Amino acid sequence: MKKFGICYFFFYLAVQNFAYAQIGVSGASMEVPVVPTCTDMQLMKSIPCSDKQLFFHQGQSIVQGGFNEGNYNLLSETYKRWCAGKERFPDGRWKLSQYANGLEVNFRAWNTWDKDLVKIKKWQVEFPVDESARFVEGVYWYAYAMKARGNGYSKSVSKEAWQLFHERMQKSKEIFSEILKKDNACPAVYARMLDSMVAIGDKESALKAIFDEGTAKYPQYHNIYFAMARYYQPKWYGDINSYENFAVQVAQKTKGFEGDGMYARLYWLVDDSSGIPFNQSLNVPPYWNKLKQGYEDLMARYPSSIHNLGKYAGVACRASDAKLYLKLRKKIDGYENGADFYDSVDVCDLRHGWKK
């Protein structure tokens, strides 16, 4: 069987009525799909695709298929096109965000690290001046480093595992650093460089220099902000207050194209039990008034995003605003099982009295 897709899915992507809307933001206009539809194989009818389906079908599966089939021309052209930032998902994020993610998933799933490196080296020989081939090698070494470390707490990692982790992560960082010497490096390189630097444990000042350079060149690429935000998470090198300060600063910096939406985006990254989950009763960050305004701004800009809507509903569930939750819950009806809630949907429905 050929290596192609990693995900098992129940929906067949039928890109029907795939119109595009021009969103008015500073810089180049971007194309956001209005109402792409998928065929629900259980209901046997077309329904609007969820964002998660689109992340796979229009993002990860393309690069996974290209890599596994050795279609380096497809990978190169896709990289160049997505780096331009015009192609985005309904939630506003660039399709570029799924390029490295798709390959990381692919590397880990097949677990054929030596063979994959041989393929990457072959790609570099066939496309010697192509940035994408070098970028993917950087992603490869990052993923390979994380494999050595494992998913356990740091104290559970062996000395030998740490050695492999640092050796491989350093290779990843060096490749991204080399690419960034070019004036026109893809914005994804900045985000991935920050990921490697955070993992290695570089100083805040060094990360800040890369962050400032990247956001000055590509102020609308969300993943640069997401990568820097990791540094300020309590489980890395920050705390609740430093994360809040960063979120407020970024929201102000990106207000021109997202309103206060980046505040909501940065907090959905840590809205889990090991992060900084929203709890209105504690009166600590994140604050409900800021989150609410952030999500309202996101929905105004990206009204067709099921992902953003689900995130908003999941936060509204924990706020003392039953009317808002019920309004949002109605909009995600049919997608609730795929919504990313902190409290489960049935708990939220009971809390706020949702009934069909």
Protein backbone atom coordinates (compact mmCIF):
# COMPACT_ATOMS: atom_id res chain seq x y z
CA MET A 1 0.00 0.00 0.00
CA LYS A 2 1.33 3.44 -0.85
CA LYS A 3 1.98 5.94 1.90
CA PHE A 4 -0.47 8.74 1.42
CA GLY A 5 -2.96 9.98 3.99
CA ILE A 6 -2.59 9.48 7.74
CA CYS A 7 -6.08 10.39 8.84
CA TYR A 8 -9.10 8.12 8.78
CA PHE A 9 -12.16 10.17 7.96
CA PHE A 10 -15.90 9.83 7.40
CA PHE A 11 -16.26 12.77 5.10
CA TYR A 12 -15.38 12.90 1.46
CA LEU A 13 -14.28 16.38 0.55
CA ALA A 14 -16.38 17.71 -2.26
CA VAL A 15 -15.17 21.18 -3.07
CA GLN A 16 -18.47 22.50 -4.27
CA ASN A 17 -19.50 26.14 -4.58
CA PHE A 18 -15.97 27.08 -3.66
CA ALA A 19 -16.28 30.84 -3.97
CA TYR A 20 -13.75 33.19 -2.44
CA ALA A 21 -14.19 36.39 -0.48
CA GLN A 22 -11.70 39.22 -0.48
CA ILE A 23 -11.01 40.32 3.08
CA GLY A 24 -10.00 43.94 3.51
CA VAL A 25 -6.74 43.95 5.46
CA SER A 26 -3.48 45.81 5.13
CA GLY A 27 -1.05 44.33 2.63
CA ALA A 28 -2.00 41.78 0.00
CA SER A 29 -5.60 40.64 -0.14
CA MET A 30 -6.26 37.12 1.03
CA GLU A 31 -8.59 34.48 -0.28
CA VAL A 32 -10.88 32.82 2.25
CA PRO A 33 -13.25 30.05 1.16
CA VAL A 34 -16.85 31.08 1.76
CA VAL A 35 -18.86 27.86 2.00
CA PRO A 36 -16.90 24.77 0.92
CA THR A 37 -19.05 21.68 1.39
CA CYS A 38 -18.29 18.10 2.40
CA THR A 39 -20.41 15.02 1.89
CA ASP A 40 -21.56 13.46 5.15
CA MET A 41 -21.45 9.75 4.39
CA GLN A 42 -23.89 8.97 7.21
CA LEU A 43 -26.48 11.56 6.28
CA MET A 44 -25.65 11.21 2.57
CA LYS A 45 -25.87 14.90 1.93
CA SER A 46 -23.58 17.89 1.49
CA ILE A 47 -22.98 20.08 4.52
CA PRO A 48 -20.50 22.90 5.22
CA CYS A 49 -17.07 21.45 6.00
CA SER A 50 -15.70 21.94 9.49
CA ASP A 51 -12.39 23.75 9.76
CA LYS A 52 -10.70 20.60 11.08
CA GLN A 53 -11.67 18.74 7.93
CA LEU A 54 -10.27 21.54 5.81
CA PHE A 55 -7.01 21.60 7.79
CA PHE A 56 -6.49 18.01 6.72
CA HIS A 57 -8.00 17.86 3.24
CA GLN A 58 -6.76 21.24 1.98
CA GLY A 59 -3.58 21.34 4.05
CA GLN A 60 -1.89 18.36 5.63
CA SER A 61 -2.97 15.66 3.18
CA ILE A 62 -1.54 17.64 0.25
CA VAL A 63 1.98 17.79 1.68
CA GLN A 64 1.79 14.27 3.11
CA GLY A 65 0.80 12.89 -0.27
CA GLY A 66 3.46 14.89 -2.09
CA PHE A 67 6.20 13.70 0.25
CA ASN A 68 5.15 10.06 0.33
CA GLU A 69 4.87 9.94 -3.46
CA GLY A 70 8.17 11.77 -3.96
CA ASN A 71 6.41 14.60 -5.81
CA TYR A 72 8.95 17.28 -4.94
CA ASN A 73 7.68 19.68 -7.56
CA LEU A 74 4.25 19.67 -5.90
CA LEU A 75 5.83 20.24 -2.50
CA SER A 76 7.96 23.09 -3.79
CA GLU A 77 5.16 24.85 -5.63
CA THR A 78 2.75 24.42 -2.70
CA TYR A 79 5.34 25.89 -0.33
CA LYS A 80 5.88 28.94 -2.52
CA ARG A 81 2.15 29.49 -2.99
CA TRP A 82 1.26 29.12 0.67
CA CYS A 83 4.17 31.30 1.79
CA ALA A 84 2.54 34.18 -0.08
CA GLY A 85 -0.29 34.13 2.46
CA LYS A 86 -3.23 34.58 0.11
CA GLU A 87 -4.66 31.11 0.68
CA ARG A 88 -6.26 30.78 4.08
CA PHE A 89 -8.71 28.67 6.01
CA PRO A 90 -12.12 29.93 7.13
CA ASP A 91 -10.76 30.75 10.61
CA GLY A 92 -8.26 33.18 9.07
CA ARG A 93 -5.13 31.09 9.50
CA TRP A 94 -2.79 30.59 6.57
CA LYS A 95 -2.74 27.25 4.79
CA LEU A 96 1.00 27.52 5.34
CA SER A 97 0.36 26.66 9.00
CA GLN A 98 -0.42 23.08 8.00
CA TYR A 99 2.64 22.52 5.78
CA ALA A 100 5.08 21.63 8.57
CA ASN A 101 2.32 20.20 10.77
CA GLY A 102 1.34 17.70 8.09
CA LEU A 103 4.92 16.53 7.62
CA GLU A 104 5.53 16.22 11.37
CA VAL A 105 2.47 14.00 11.66
CA ASN A 106 3.73 12.00 8.68
CA PHE A 107 7.23 11.48 10.10
CA ARG A 108 5.92 10.32 13.46
CA ALA A 109 3.19 8.09 12.05
CA TRP A 110 5.37 6.12 9.65
CA ASN A 111 8.41 6.10 11.96
CA THR A 112 10.79 5.51 9.03
CA TRP A 113 13.24 8.23 9.97
CA ASP A 114 16.28 7.02 7.98
CA LYS A 115 14.24 6.53 4.81
CA ASP A 116 12.59 9.92 5.22
CA LEU A 117 15.95 11.68 5.55
CA VAL A 118 17.15 9.94 2.38
CA LYS A 119 14.08 11.28 0.57
CA ILE A 120 14.72 14.80 1.85
CA LYS A 121 18.35 14.66 0.71
CA LYS A 122 17.22 13.46 -2.72
CA TRP A 123 14.78 16.36 -2.88
CA GLN A 124 17.63 18.78 -2.10
CA VAL A 125 19.74 17.31 -4.89
CA GLU A 126 16.92 17.61 -7.42
CA PHE A 127 16.01 21.15 -6.24
CA PRO A 128 19.37 22.54 -5.04
CA VAL A 129 18.27 26.16 -4.61
CA ASP A 130 14.81 25.37 -3.27
CA GLU A 131 14.06 26.71 0.22
CA SER A 132 11.27 24.22 0.86
CA ALA A 133 13.63 21.21 0.81
CA ARG A 134 15.86 22.79 3.46
CA PHE A 135 12.85 23.90 5.49
CA VAL A 136 11.47 20.37 5.58
CA GLU A 137 14.81 19.04 6.80
CA GLY A 138 14.59 21.51 9.67
CA VAL A 139 11.09 20.24 10.45
CA TYR A 140 12.39 16.68 10.24
CA TRP A 141 15.14 17.27 12.83
CA TYR A 142 12.68 19.04 15.14
CA ALA A 143 10.27 16.10 14.98
CA TYR A 144 13.11 13.60 15.39
CA ALA A 145 14.36 15.49 18.45
CA MET A 146 10.91 15.38 20.03
CA LYS A 147 10.76 11.65 19.34
CA ALA A 148 13.95 11.14 21.34
CA ARG A 149 12.63 13.22 24.23
CA GLY A 150 9.23 11.56 24.35
CA ASN A 151 6.06 12.99 25.90
CA GLY A 152 6.84 12.50 29.57
CA TYR A 153 7.85 15.04 32.20
CA SER A 154 11.43 16.28 31.89
CA LYS A 155 12.56 14.36 34.98
CA SER A 156 11.50 11.11 33.29
CA VAL A 157 13.77 11.68 30.27
CA SER A 158 17.03 9.73 30.31
CA LYS A 159 20.46 11.31 29.89
CA GLU A 160 20.89 9.59 26.52
CA ALA A 161 17.50 10.80 25.32
CA TRP A 162 18.39 14.38 26.28
CA GLN A 163 21.65 14.05 24.36
CA LEU A 164 19.86 12.99 21.17
CA PHE A 165 17.22 15.66 21.71
CA HIS A 166 19.76 18.48 21.93
CA GLU A 167 21.86 17.21 19.02
CA ARG A 168 18.87 16.94 16.72
CA MET A 169 17.20 20.16 17.87
CA GLN A 170 20.44 22.05 17.30
CA LYS A 171 20.49 20.77 13.71
CA SER A 172 16.93 22.02 13.27
CA LYS A 173 17.82 25.45 14.64
CA GLU A 174 20.94 25.73 12.46
CA ILE A 175 18.98 24.95 9.29
CA PHE A 176 16.31 27.55 10.06
CA SER A 177 19.00 30.09 10.98
CA GLU A 178 20.71 29.48 7.64
CA ILE A 179 17.45 30.03 5.73
CA LEU A 180 16.74 33.26 7.62
CA LYS A 181 19.93 34.80 6.29
CA LYS A 182 17.98 35.32 3.06
CA ASP A 183 15.88 38.47 2.79
CA ASN A 184 12.80 36.73 1.44
CA ALA A 185 12.57 33.68 3.71
CA CYS A 186 9.08 32.23 4.10
CA PRO A 187 7.22 33.36 7.26
CA ALA A 188 6.95 29.73 8.41
CA VAL A 189 10.72 29.69 8.96
CA TYR A 190 10.42 32.36 11.67
CA ALA A 191 7.77 30.38 13.53
CA ARG A 192 9.75 27.16 13.30
CA MET A 193 12.97 28.89 14.33
CA LEU A 194 11.21 30.12 17.47
CA ASP A 195 9.90 26.61 18.16
CA SER A 196 13.43 25.23 18.05
CA MET A 197 14.81 28.06 20.20
CA VAL A 198 12.15 27.58 22.88
CA ALA A 199 12.78 23.83 22.91
CA ILE A 200 16.54 24.31 23.32
CA GLY A 201 16.07 26.93 26.03
CA ASP A 202 17.45 30.06 24.38
CA LYS A 203 17.21 33.38 26.21
CA GLU A 204 14.17 35.60 25.84
CA SER A 205 16.25 38.36 24.23
CA ALA A 206 17.36 36.02 21.44
CA LEU A 207 13.80 34.87 20.79
CA LYS A 208 12.54 38.43 20.89
CA ALA A 209 15.00 39.43 18.15
CA ILE A 210 13.66 36.71 15.81
CA PHE A 211 10.08 37.50 16.80
CA ASP A 212 10.47 41.22 16.11
CA GLU A 213 12.11 40.60 12.75
CA GLY A 214 9.50 38.04 11.71
CA THR A 215 6.46 40.08 12.72
CA ALA A 216 7.91 43.20 11.09
CA LYS A 217 8.13 41.33 7.79
CA TYR A 218 5.01 39.21 8.16
CA PRO A 219 2.67 40.88 10.69
CA GLN A 220 -0.30 38.73 9.66
CA TYR A 221 1.26 35.28 10.06
CA HIS A 222 -0.36 33.94 13.23
CA ASN A 223 2.13 31.14 13.85
CA ILE A 224 4.97 33.54 14.64
CA TYR A 225 2.89 34.89 17.53
CA PHE A 226 1.85 31.38 18.57
CA ALA A 227 5.46 30.18 18.64
CA MET A 228 6.65 33.11 20.76
CA ALA A 229 3.69 32.66 23.12
CA ARG A 230 5.02 29.22 24.11
CA TYR A 231 7.95 30.89 25.85
CA TYR A 232 5.58 32.71 28.23
CA GLN A 233 3.48 29.66 29.11
CA PRO A 234 3.80 28.58 32.76
CA LYS A 235 4.95 25.09 31.70
CA TRP A 236 7.84 26.63 29.78
CA TYR A 237 9.55 29.80 31.05
CA GLY A 238 6.72 32.15 31.96
CA ASP A 239 3.73 32.54 34.25
CA ILE A 240 0.13 33.74 34.08
CA ASN A 241 1.06 37.42 34.26
CA SER A 242 3.80 37.31 31.62
CA TYR A 243 1.46 35.42 29.28
CA GLU A 244 -1.29 37.98 29.83
CA ASN A 245 1.11 40.86 29.16
CA PHE A 246 2.24 39.21 25.93
CA ALA A 247 -1.35 38.54 24.83
CA VAL A 248 -2.37 42.16 25.44
CA GLN A 249 0.67 43.50 23.57
CA VAL A 250 0.07 41.20 20.60
CA ALA A 251 -3.63 42.05 20.46
CA GLN A 252 -2.71 45.71 20.27
CA LYS A 253 -0.02 45.05 17.66
CA THR A 254 -2.41 43.09 15.41
CA LYS A 255 -5.53 45.19 15.96
CA GLY A 256 -5.36 46.53 12.43
CA PHE A 257 -6.27 43.21 10.86
CA GLU A 258 -7.76 41.12 13.72
CA GLY A 259 -9.28 43.63 16.12
CA ASP A 260 -8.84 42.00 19.52
CA GLY A 261 -8.99 38.56 17.96
CA MET A 262 -5.38 37.65 18.70
CA TYR A 263 -6.09 37.83 22.44
CA ALA A 264 -8.67 35.05 21.98
CA ARG A 265 -6.36 33.06 19.69
CA LEU A 266 -3.44 33.14 22.12
CA TYR A 267 -5.63 31.99 24.98
CA TRP A 268 -7.17 29.13 23.05
CA LEU A 269 -3.63 27.75 22.80
CA VAL A 270 -3.52 27.30 26.58
CA ASP A 271 -7.18 26.61 27.32
CA ASP A 272 -6.58 23.20 28.89
CA SER A 273 -5.86 21.69 32.29
CA SER A 274 -2.08 22.03 31.91
CA GLY A 275 -2.26 25.60 30.63
CA ILE A 276 -4.24 28.70 31.60
CA PRO A 277 -7.90 27.66 31.24
CA PHE A 278 -10.55 30.36 31.42
CA ASN A 279 -12.36 30.47 34.77
CA GLN A 280 -14.52 33.55 35.24
CA SER A 281 -14.99 32.99 38.97
CA LEU A 282 -11.26 33.29 39.74
CA ASN A 283 -10.89 36.83 38.36
CA VAL A 284 -7.47 36.05 36.87
CA PRO A 285 -6.34 36.08 33.23
CA PRO A 286 -7.75 35.48 30.76
CA TYR A 287 -10.49 38.03 31.39
CA TRP A 288 -13.97 37.45 30.03
CA ASN A 289 -14.49 40.95 28.65
CA LYS A 290 -11.30 40.67 26.58
CA LEU A 291 -12.03 37.12 25.44
CA LYS A 292 -15.58 38.00 24.43
CA GLN A 293 -14.46 41.02 22.42
CA GLY A 294 -11.71 38.97 20.82
CA TYR A 295 -14.09 36.25 19.68
CA GLU A 296 -16.65 38.79 18.49
CA ASP A 297 -13.95 40.38 16.34
CA LEU A 298 -12.93 36.99 14.96
CA MET A 299 -16.52 36.08 14.09
CA ALA A 300 -17.04 39.44 12.40
CA ARG A 301 -13.98 38.84 10.22
CA TYR A 302 -14.36 35.09 9.67
CA PRO A 303 -18.10 34.37 9.93
CA SER A 304 -17.95 30.97 8.23
CA SER A 305 -15.40 29.49 10.67
CA ILE A 306 -16.81 26.53 12.58
CA HIS A 307 -13.51 26.29 14.48
CA ASN A 308 -13.66 29.83 15.87
CA LEU A 309 -17.36 29.46 16.65
CA GLY A 310 -16.77 26.24 18.57
CA LYS A 311 -13.93 27.80 20.55
CA TYR A 312 -16.15 30.77 21.40
CA ALA A 313 -18.99 28.51 22.55
CA GLY A 314 -16.58 26.48 24.69
CA VAL A 315 -15.45 29.62 26.51
CA ALA A 316 -18.97 31.07 26.75
CA CYS A 317 -20.02 27.84 28.48
CA ARG A 318 -17.83 28.84 31.44
CA ALA A 319 -19.09 32.43 31.56
CA SER A 320 -22.22 33.60 33.33
CA ASP A 321 -23.93 34.38 30.02
CA ALA A 322 -26.46 31.65 29.25
CA LYS A 323 -28.07 33.73 26.51
CA LEU A 324 -24.79 33.95 24.59
CA TYR A 325 -24.01 30.26 25.03
CA LEU A 326 -27.43 29.23 23.74
CA LYS A 327 -27.03 31.52 20.74
CA LEU A 328 -23.63 30.04 19.87
CA ARG A 329 -24.77 26.51 20.64
CA LYS A 330 -27.52 26.80 18.06
CA LYS A 331 -24.97 27.81 15.44
CA ILE A 332 -22.70 24.82 16.08
CA ASP A 333 -25.55 22.31 16.22
CA GLY A 334 -24.44 19.33 14.15
CA TYR A 335 -20.76 20.11 14.72
CA GLU A 336 -20.77 19.93 18.51
CA ASN A 337 -18.92 16.60 18.64
CA GLY A 338 -16.00 18.16 16.83
CA ALA A 339 -15.99 21.35 18.90
CA ASP A 340 -13.01 21.82 21.19
CA PHE A 341 -14.65 22.38 24.60
CA TYR A 342 -12.91 22.46 28.00
CA ASP A 343 -16.07 21.25 29.72
CA SER A 344 -17.81 18.64 27.58
CA VAL A 345 -20.71 19.74 25.39
CA ASP A 346 -23.28 17.77 27.37
CA VAL A 347 -22.09 19.43 30.60
CA CYS A 348 -22.38 22.86 28.99
CA ASP A 349 -25.82 22.03 27.59
CA LEU A 350 -27.05 21.01 31.04
CA ARG A 351 -25.48 24.06 32.68
CA HIS A 352 -27.23 26.50 30.36
CA GLY A 353 -30.42 24.59 29.57
CA TRP A 354 -29.84 23.83 25.89
CA LYS A 355 -32.61 21.90 24.17
CA LYS A 356 -33.13 21.27 20.49
